N, C-alpha and C. Protein backbone atom coordinates (compact mmCIF):
# COMPACT_ATOMS: atom_id res chain seq x y z
N UNK A 1 27.46 -42.96 -0.19
CA UNK A 1 27.43 -42.77 1.28
C UNK A 1 26.43 -41.79 1.66
N UNK A 2 25.52 -42.18 2.49
CA UNK A 2 24.40 -41.21 2.81
C UNK A 2 24.85 -40.25 3.93
N UNK A 3 25.63 -40.66 4.84
CA UNK A 3 26.05 -39.85 5.95
C UNK A 3 27.26 -38.87 5.53
N UNK A 4 27.12 -37.66 5.97
CA UNK A 4 28.25 -36.71 5.69
C UNK A 4 29.26 -37.04 6.73
N UNK A 5 30.50 -37.16 6.36
CA UNK A 5 31.62 -37.39 7.28
C UNK A 5 32.16 -36.00 7.87
N UNK A 6 32.04 -35.89 9.12
CA UNK A 6 32.49 -34.57 9.76
C UNK A 6 33.80 -34.89 10.47
N UNK A 7 34.87 -34.23 10.26
CA UNK A 7 36.08 -34.37 10.90
C UNK A 7 36.01 -33.78 12.29
N UNK A 8 36.26 -34.52 13.32
CA UNK A 8 36.30 -34.02 14.69
C UNK A 8 37.69 -34.26 15.23
N UNK A 9 37.83 -33.57 16.48
CA UNK A 9 39.30 -33.55 16.89
C UNK A 9 39.29 -33.49 18.40
N UNK A 10 40.38 -33.91 18.94
CA UNK A 10 40.63 -33.85 20.45
C UNK A 10 41.77 -32.84 20.84
N UNK A 11 41.87 -31.75 19.88
CA UNK A 11 43.03 -30.88 20.03
C UNK A 11 42.96 -30.12 21.35
N UNK A 12 41.69 -29.60 21.66
CA UNK A 12 41.64 -28.78 22.95
C UNK A 12 42.01 -29.73 24.21
N UNK A 13 41.54 -30.88 24.24
CA UNK A 13 41.80 -31.83 25.35
C UNK A 13 43.30 -32.16 25.48
N UNK A 14 43.92 -32.42 24.42
CA UNK A 14 45.33 -32.83 24.39
C UNK A 14 46.16 -31.49 24.68
N UNK A 15 45.87 -30.43 24.08
CA UNK A 15 46.50 -29.23 24.21
C UNK A 15 46.49 -28.77 25.73
N UNK A 16 45.33 -28.70 26.31
CA UNK A 16 45.17 -28.32 27.67
C UNK A 16 45.85 -29.27 28.73
N UNK A 17 45.70 -30.58 28.39
CA UNK A 17 46.41 -31.53 29.16
C UNK A 17 47.98 -31.32 29.21
N UNK A 18 48.45 -30.87 28.07
CA UNK A 18 49.91 -30.57 28.02
C UNK A 18 50.33 -29.15 28.45
N UNK A 19 49.24 -28.40 28.87
CA UNK A 19 49.49 -27.11 29.29
C UNK A 19 50.02 -26.12 28.30
N UNK A 20 49.58 -26.30 27.05
CA UNK A 20 50.02 -25.46 25.90
C UNK A 20 48.78 -24.59 25.44
N UNK A 21 48.99 -23.19 25.53
CA UNK A 21 47.94 -22.28 25.08
C UNK A 21 47.63 -22.33 23.59
N UNK A 22 46.53 -21.82 23.22
CA UNK A 22 46.18 -21.76 21.79
C UNK A 22 47.22 -20.95 21.03
N UNK A 23 47.71 -19.86 21.66
CA UNK A 23 48.74 -19.01 21.05
C UNK A 23 50.08 -19.81 20.90
N UNK A 24 50.41 -20.56 21.80
CA UNK A 24 51.67 -21.33 21.68
C UNK A 24 51.57 -22.30 20.59
N UNK A 25 50.48 -23.05 20.57
CA UNK A 25 50.25 -24.04 19.53
C UNK A 25 50.28 -23.38 18.15
N UNK A 26 49.61 -22.25 18.03
CA UNK A 26 49.55 -21.57 16.81
C UNK A 26 50.96 -21.16 16.30
N UNK A 27 51.81 -20.65 17.21
CA UNK A 27 53.20 -20.35 16.97
C UNK A 27 53.97 -21.54 16.45
N UNK A 28 53.80 -22.61 17.15
CA UNK A 28 54.46 -23.86 16.85
C UNK A 28 54.31 -24.40 15.48
N UNK A 29 53.02 -24.20 15.01
CA UNK A 29 52.61 -24.77 13.65
C UNK A 29 52.41 -23.76 12.60
N UNK A 30 52.84 -22.51 12.94
CA UNK A 30 52.79 -21.38 11.90
C UNK A 30 51.48 -20.83 11.50
N UNK A 31 50.51 -20.80 12.47
CA UNK A 31 49.21 -20.21 12.10
C UNK A 31 48.71 -19.24 13.22
N UNK A 32 47.55 -18.90 13.07
CA UNK A 32 47.03 -17.93 14.10
C UNK A 32 46.24 -18.61 15.22
N UNK A 33 46.16 -17.85 16.26
CA UNK A 33 45.26 -18.33 17.31
C UNK A 33 43.86 -18.55 16.94
N UNK A 34 43.47 -17.71 16.13
CA UNK A 34 42.02 -17.79 15.54
C UNK A 34 41.82 -19.03 14.79
N UNK A 35 42.79 -19.46 14.04
CA UNK A 35 42.73 -20.73 13.28
C UNK A 35 42.57 -21.97 14.26
N UNK A 36 43.50 -21.94 15.25
CA UNK A 36 43.41 -22.94 16.22
C UNK A 36 42.04 -23.02 16.91
N UNK A 37 41.45 -21.92 17.23
CA UNK A 37 40.13 -21.92 17.93
C UNK A 37 39.08 -22.46 16.94
N UNK A 38 39.18 -21.98 15.65
CA UNK A 38 38.15 -22.51 14.73
C UNK A 38 38.30 -24.01 14.53
N UNK A 39 39.50 -24.55 14.48
CA UNK A 39 39.76 -26.02 14.23
C UNK A 39 39.17 -26.77 15.49
N UNK A 40 39.52 -26.23 16.74
CA UNK A 40 39.04 -26.82 18.02
C UNK A 40 37.45 -26.97 17.94
N UNK A 41 36.82 -25.91 17.53
CA UNK A 41 35.36 -25.84 17.63
C UNK A 41 34.74 -26.59 16.39
N UNK A 42 35.58 -27.07 15.52
CA UNK A 42 34.99 -27.80 14.38
C UNK A 42 34.39 -26.94 13.32
N UNK A 43 34.71 -25.65 13.32
CA UNK A 43 34.30 -24.66 12.36
C UNK A 43 35.21 -24.71 11.06
N UNK A 44 36.42 -25.29 11.26
CA UNK A 44 37.36 -25.28 10.12
C UNK A 44 38.10 -26.58 10.10
N UNK A 45 38.18 -27.18 8.99
CA UNK A 45 39.02 -28.44 8.86
C UNK A 45 40.40 -27.93 8.35
N UNK A 46 41.50 -28.41 9.02
CA UNK A 46 42.76 -28.02 8.67
C UNK A 46 43.23 -28.75 7.43
N UNK A 47 44.14 -28.27 6.67
CA UNK A 47 44.74 -28.95 5.55
C UNK A 47 45.57 -30.19 6.20
N UNK A 48 45.84 -31.07 5.23
CA UNK A 48 46.56 -32.27 5.67
C UNK A 48 47.88 -31.81 6.30
N UNK A 49 48.60 -30.94 5.74
CA UNK A 49 49.87 -30.34 6.20
C UNK A 49 49.68 -29.79 7.58
N UNK A 50 48.72 -28.90 7.78
CA UNK A 50 48.52 -28.28 9.11
C UNK A 50 48.15 -29.28 10.23
N UNK A 51 47.24 -30.33 9.81
CA UNK A 51 46.79 -31.32 10.74
C UNK A 51 48.07 -32.10 11.21
N UNK A 52 48.82 -32.46 10.32
CA UNK A 52 50.22 -33.19 10.64
C UNK A 52 51.15 -32.33 11.43
N UNK A 53 51.15 -31.04 11.21
CA UNK A 53 51.99 -30.09 12.02
C UNK A 53 51.46 -30.09 13.43
N UNK A 54 50.22 -30.04 13.61
CA UNK A 54 49.59 -30.04 14.92
C UNK A 54 49.92 -31.40 15.62
N UNK A 55 49.81 -32.51 14.96
CA UNK A 55 50.16 -33.74 15.59
C UNK A 55 51.67 -33.81 16.12
N UNK A 56 52.49 -33.28 15.21
CA UNK A 56 53.94 -33.27 15.65
C UNK A 56 54.16 -32.39 16.80
N UNK A 57 53.47 -31.21 16.74
CA UNK A 57 53.69 -30.22 17.88
C UNK A 57 53.15 -30.78 19.14
N UNK A 58 52.06 -31.59 19.15
CA UNK A 58 51.54 -32.13 20.33
C UNK A 58 51.93 -33.59 20.63
N UNK A 59 52.95 -34.04 19.71
CA UNK A 59 53.46 -35.39 19.91
C UNK A 59 52.39 -36.41 20.01
N UNK A 60 51.36 -36.42 19.09
CA UNK A 60 50.31 -37.34 19.13
C UNK A 60 50.11 -37.77 17.68
N UNK A 61 49.76 -39.10 17.61
CA UNK A 61 49.39 -39.80 16.31
C UNK A 61 48.16 -39.11 15.63
N UNK A 62 48.08 -39.09 14.48
CA UNK A 62 47.05 -38.42 13.68
C UNK A 62 45.66 -39.01 14.21
N UNK A 63 45.63 -40.38 14.26
CA UNK A 63 44.41 -41.09 14.51
C UNK A 63 43.91 -40.85 16.03
N UNK A 64 44.85 -40.40 16.80
CA UNK A 64 44.51 -40.15 18.25
C UNK A 64 43.94 -38.68 18.40
N UNK A 65 44.24 -37.83 17.49
CA UNK A 65 43.79 -36.47 17.44
C UNK A 65 42.64 -36.10 16.62
N UNK A 66 42.59 -36.84 15.45
CA UNK A 66 41.42 -36.64 14.54
C UNK A 66 40.57 -37.86 14.34
N UNK A 67 39.31 -37.62 14.16
CA UNK A 67 38.41 -38.82 14.06
C UNK A 67 37.17 -38.37 13.33
N UNK A 68 36.39 -39.33 12.88
CA UNK A 68 35.07 -39.06 12.29
C UNK A 68 33.86 -39.52 13.20
C-alpha cells in the first residue's frame, strides 16, 4: 500500500453536539483532558481499548467516530 493510512475522528463534533466537555469525556474514559485534545487534533491515536471506551461514553458506533 503506497498511501499511509491516517486515523481521523469526529470526536470533537460529537462531543460538542452532546454538550460534553473535554474534561468530562476524559473522566468518563479514565484519561486526561490533554489526551482527549491530542486525539481530537489527530496528534495521537488512541489504543483500541481507549477508542472503544470513547465510543461507549459518547454512545456512538466505532465506524461513526473513527475513519481513514
